[in-house]
Amino acid sequence: MIKNTIIALVAAASLAGVAAPAYAAQSIVTDSSFDNNTIIARLHDQGVKATDVEEWGDLVRAYVVLEDGTQTMQFFSNDTLTPVSL
């Protein structure tokens, strides 16, 4: 009885080990669709001096250097990059 239980546990652990890398690979592909350099370039074209951007839910959070040299966070829509106020 114990032998059968051990075999079942080893089999279950093996299946979980195979499924985990497949799931991880899928999530990496989804995360790579956000291209920081392209978004920064598009913001620069709009006159926004962004130094870094990141996904923030359905928005883009940008770190922007203002005219006086200070840095702030600003939010933009994910598709049109229009400013969004929270």
N, C-alpha and C. Protein backbone atom coordinates (compact mmCIF):
# COMPACT_ATOMS: atom_id res chain seq x y z
N MET A 1 0.82 -1.20 0.00
CA MET A 1 0.00 0.00 0.00
C MET A 1 0.86 1.26 0.00
N ILE A 2 1.85 1.31 0.86
CA ILE A 2 2.74 2.47 0.93
C ILE A 2 3.52 2.62 -0.37
N LYS A 3 3.90 1.49 -0.95
CA LYS A 3 4.64 1.50 -2.21
C LYS A 3 3.79 2.15 -3.31
N ASN A 4 2.52 1.82 -3.39
CA ASN A 4 1.63 2.40 -4.40
C ASN A 4 1.45 3.90 -4.17
N THR A 5 1.35 4.31 -2.93
CA THR A 5 1.18 5.72 -2.61
C THR A 5 2.42 6.51 -3.02
N ILE A 6 3.58 5.95 -2.76
CA ILE A 6 4.83 6.62 -3.12
C ILE A 6 4.94 6.75 -4.64
N ILE A 7 4.58 5.71 -5.36
CA ILE A 7 4.63 5.75 -6.82
C ILE A 7 3.66 6.82 -7.35
N ALA A 8 2.49 6.91 -6.77
CA ALA A 8 1.51 7.91 -7.20
C ALA A 8 2.01 9.32 -6.93
N LEU A 9 2.63 9.52 -5.78
CA LEU A 9 3.16 10.86 -5.45
C LEU A 9 4.30 11.25 -6.39
N VAL A 10 5.16 10.30 -6.71
CA VAL A 10 6.28 10.58 -7.63
C VAL A 10 5.72 10.92 -9.02
N ALA A 11 4.71 10.19 -9.47
CA ALA A 11 4.10 10.45 -10.77
C ALA A 11 3.46 11.84 -10.80
N ALA A 12 2.77 12.19 -9.74
CA ALA A 12 2.13 13.50 -9.68
C ALA A 12 3.17 14.63 -9.69
N ALA A 13 4.24 14.44 -8.96
CA ALA A 13 5.30 15.45 -8.93
C ALA A 13 5.97 15.59 -10.29
N SER A 14 6.12 14.48 -11.00
CA SER A 14 6.73 14.51 -12.33
C SER A 14 5.85 15.29 -13.30
N LEU A 15 4.56 15.07 -13.25
CA LEU A 15 3.65 15.79 -14.14
C LEU A 15 3.64 17.28 -13.83
N ALA A 16 3.68 17.64 -12.57
CA ALA A 16 3.72 19.05 -12.20
C ALA A 16 5.01 19.69 -12.68
N GLY A 17 6.10 18.96 -12.63
CA GLY A 17 7.39 19.47 -13.10
C GLY A 17 7.42 19.71 -14.59
N VAL A 18 6.68 18.93 -15.34
CA VAL A 18 6.61 19.11 -16.79
C VAL A 18 5.68 20.27 -17.14
N ALA A 19 4.61 20.44 -16.41
CA ALA A 19 3.65 21.50 -16.71
C ALA A 19 4.18 22.87 -16.34
N ALA A 20 4.95 22.99 -15.29
CA ALA A 20 5.42 24.30 -14.82
C ALA A 20 6.28 25.03 -15.86
N PRO A 21 7.28 24.38 -16.50
CA PRO A 21 8.05 25.12 -17.50
C PRO A 21 7.21 25.55 -18.70
N ALA A 22 6.24 24.76 -19.10
CA ALA A 22 5.38 25.14 -20.21
C ALA A 22 4.57 26.38 -19.85
N TYR A 23 4.06 26.46 -18.65
CA TYR A 23 3.30 27.62 -18.20
C TYR A 23 4.21 28.85 -18.12
N ALA A 24 5.41 28.68 -17.61
CA ALA A 24 6.34 29.81 -17.48
C ALA A 24 6.70 30.36 -18.85
N ALA A 25 6.92 29.49 -19.83
CA ALA A 25 7.27 29.94 -21.17
C ALA A 25 6.12 30.74 -21.77
N GLN A 26 4.90 30.36 -21.50
CA GLN A 26 3.75 31.07 -22.04
C GLN A 26 3.67 32.48 -21.44
N SER A 27 3.90 32.63 -20.15
CA SER A 27 3.80 33.95 -19.53
C SER A 27 4.93 34.86 -19.97
N ILE A 28 6.09 34.33 -20.29
CA ILE A 28 7.20 35.15 -20.78
C ILE A 28 6.85 35.77 -22.12
N VAL A 29 6.22 35.02 -23.00
CA VAL A 29 5.83 35.53 -24.31
C VAL A 29 4.82 36.66 -24.15
N THR A 30 3.87 36.52 -23.27
CA THR A 30 2.87 37.56 -23.03
C THR A 30 3.52 38.84 -22.52
N ASP A 31 4.48 38.71 -21.60
CA ASP A 31 5.12 39.89 -21.02
C ASP A 31 6.00 40.64 -22.02
N SER A 32 6.54 39.95 -23.02
CA SER A 32 7.48 40.58 -23.93
C SER A 32 6.79 41.46 -24.97
N SER A 33 5.45 41.48 -25.02
CA SER A 33 4.77 42.30 -26.00
C SER A 33 4.87 43.79 -25.67
N PHE A 34 5.27 44.14 -24.49
CA PHE A 34 5.43 45.53 -24.07
C PHE A 34 6.86 45.97 -24.41
N ASP A 35 7.01 46.85 -25.39
CA ASP A 35 8.34 47.26 -25.86
C ASP A 35 8.65 48.67 -25.35
N ASN A 36 9.47 48.73 -24.32
CA ASN A 36 9.82 50.00 -23.66
C ASN A 36 10.39 51.03 -24.64
N ASN A 37 11.35 50.60 -25.46
CA ASN A 37 12.03 51.55 -26.35
C ASN A 37 11.08 52.18 -27.36
N THR A 38 10.16 51.40 -27.90
CA THR A 38 9.20 51.93 -28.86
C THR A 38 8.27 52.94 -28.19
N ILE A 39 7.82 52.63 -27.00
CA ILE A 39 6.91 53.53 -26.30
C ILE A 39 7.62 54.82 -25.91
N ILE A 40 8.85 54.72 -25.44
CA ILE A 40 9.62 55.93 -25.12
C ILE A 40 9.80 56.78 -26.37
N ALA A 41 10.11 56.16 -27.49
CA ALA A 41 10.27 56.91 -28.75
C ALA A 41 8.98 57.60 -29.16
N ARG A 42 7.85 56.91 -29.02
CA ARG A 42 6.55 57.51 -29.36
C ARG A 42 6.24 58.69 -28.44
N LEU A 43 6.56 58.56 -27.14
CA LEU A 43 6.33 59.67 -26.22
C LEU A 43 7.24 60.85 -26.57
N HIS A 44 8.50 60.57 -26.94
CA HIS A 44 9.41 61.65 -27.33
C HIS A 44 8.86 62.37 -28.56
N ASP A 45 8.28 61.62 -29.51
CA ASP A 45 7.68 62.24 -30.69
C ASP A 45 6.52 63.17 -30.32
N GLN A 46 5.87 62.89 -29.20
CA GLN A 46 4.77 63.73 -28.71
C GLN A 46 5.26 64.87 -27.82
N GLY A 47 6.57 64.98 -27.63
CA GLY A 47 7.13 66.04 -26.81
C GLY A 47 7.25 65.70 -25.34
N VAL A 48 7.04 64.43 -24.98
CA VAL A 48 7.16 63.99 -23.59
C VAL A 48 8.56 63.45 -23.38
N LYS A 49 9.29 64.02 -22.41
CA LYS A 49 10.67 63.61 -22.15
C LYS A 49 10.70 62.43 -21.17
N ALA A 50 10.26 61.26 -21.66
CA ALA A 50 10.22 60.05 -20.82
C ALA A 50 11.59 59.42 -20.76
N THR A 51 11.97 58.99 -19.56
CA THR A 51 13.24 58.28 -19.39
C THR A 51 13.04 56.79 -19.22
N ASP A 52 11.86 56.37 -18.77
CA ASP A 52 11.55 54.96 -18.59
C ASP A 52 10.03 54.80 -18.58
N VAL A 53 9.57 53.63 -19.00
CA VAL A 53 8.13 53.33 -19.00
C VAL A 53 7.94 51.91 -18.52
N GLU A 54 6.73 51.64 -18.03
CA GLU A 54 6.38 50.28 -17.63
C GLU A 54 4.87 50.11 -17.71
N GLU A 55 4.46 48.86 -17.87
CA GLU A 55 3.03 48.56 -17.88
C GLU A 55 2.49 48.77 -16.48
N TRP A 56 1.33 49.36 -16.40
CA TRP A 56 0.68 49.60 -15.12
C TRP A 56 -0.79 49.29 -15.30
N GLY A 57 -1.11 48.00 -15.29
CA GLY A 57 -2.48 47.57 -15.58
C GLY A 57 -2.78 47.82 -17.04
N ASP A 58 -3.86 48.57 -17.31
CA ASP A 58 -4.23 48.92 -18.69
C ASP A 58 -3.58 50.23 -19.13
N LEU A 59 -2.69 50.77 -18.32
CA LEU A 59 -2.05 52.05 -18.62
C LEU A 59 -0.55 51.88 -18.80
N VAL A 60 0.08 52.95 -19.23
CA VAL A 60 1.54 53.03 -19.29
C VAL A 60 1.95 54.06 -18.26
N ARG A 61 2.85 53.68 -17.37
CA ARG A 61 3.40 54.63 -16.40
C ARG A 61 4.76 55.07 -16.93
N ALA A 62 4.94 56.37 -17.08
CA ALA A 62 6.18 56.91 -17.61
C ALA A 62 6.84 57.80 -16.57
N TYR A 63 8.16 57.71 -16.50
CA TYR A 63 8.95 58.61 -15.67
C TYR A 63 9.41 59.72 -16.60
N VAL A 64 8.96 60.95 -16.30
CA VAL A 64 9.13 62.07 -17.22
C VAL A 64 9.94 63.17 -16.55
N VAL A 65 10.90 63.73 -17.30
CA VAL A 65 11.68 64.87 -16.83
C VAL A 65 10.96 66.14 -17.26
N LEU A 66 10.63 66.99 -16.29
CA LEU A 66 9.92 68.24 -16.58
C LEU A 66 10.90 69.33 -16.99
N GLU A 67 10.37 70.47 -17.42
CA GLU A 67 11.19 71.59 -17.89
C GLU A 67 12.18 72.09 -16.83
N ASP A 68 11.78 72.03 -15.54
CA ASP A 68 12.66 72.51 -14.48
C ASP A 68 13.68 71.46 -14.03
N GLY A 69 13.70 70.30 -14.70
CA GLY A 69 14.67 69.26 -14.38
C GLY A 69 14.20 68.23 -13.38
N THR A 70 13.06 68.44 -12.76
CA THR A 70 12.54 67.46 -11.81
C THR A 70 11.91 66.30 -12.58
N GLN A 71 11.80 65.18 -11.89
CA GLN A 71 11.23 63.99 -12.52
C GLN A 71 9.91 63.64 -11.85
N THR A 72 8.94 63.22 -12.65
CA THR A 72 7.63 62.86 -12.14
C THR A 72 7.12 61.62 -12.88
N MET A 73 6.06 61.04 -12.33
CA MET A 73 5.40 59.94 -13.03
C MET A 73 4.16 60.48 -13.70
N GLN A 74 3.95 60.05 -14.94
CA GLN A 74 2.73 60.40 -15.66
C GLN A 74 2.15 59.13 -16.24
N PHE A 75 0.84 59.10 -16.41
CA PHE A 75 0.15 57.93 -16.92
C PHE A 75 -0.45 58.23 -18.28
N PHE A 76 -0.41 57.22 -19.16
CA PHE A 76 -0.90 57.35 -20.52
C PHE A 76 -1.74 56.13 -20.87
N SER A 77 -2.67 56.32 -21.81
CA SER A 77 -3.46 55.17 -22.26
C SER A 77 -2.53 54.20 -22.98
N ASN A 78 -2.83 52.94 -22.91
CA ASN A 78 -1.97 51.90 -23.46
C ASN A 78 -1.95 51.91 -24.98
N ASP A 79 -3.04 52.30 -25.63
CA ASP A 79 -3.10 52.20 -27.08
C ASP A 79 -2.75 53.52 -27.81
N THR A 80 -3.23 54.64 -27.32
CA THR A 80 -3.00 55.92 -28.01
C THR A 80 -1.91 56.78 -27.37
N LEU A 81 -1.49 56.40 -26.17
CA LEU A 81 -0.50 57.16 -25.39
C LEU A 81 -0.95 58.59 -25.13
N THR A 82 -2.25 58.78 -24.95
CA THR A 82 -2.75 60.09 -24.53
C THR A 82 -2.67 60.16 -23.00
N PRO A 83 -2.39 61.34 -22.46
CA PRO A 83 -2.28 61.47 -21.01
C PRO A 83 -3.58 61.10 -20.29
N VAL A 84 -3.42 60.47 -19.15
CA VAL A 84 -4.55 60.06 -18.32
C VAL A 84 -4.30 60.61 -16.92
N SER A 85 -5.34 61.23 -16.34
CA SER A 85 -5.20 61.68 -14.95
C SER A 85 -5.94 60.71 -14.05
N LEU A 86 -5.33 60.37 -12.94
CA LEU A 86 -5.93 59.41 -12.00
C LEU A 86 -6.56 60.13 -10.84
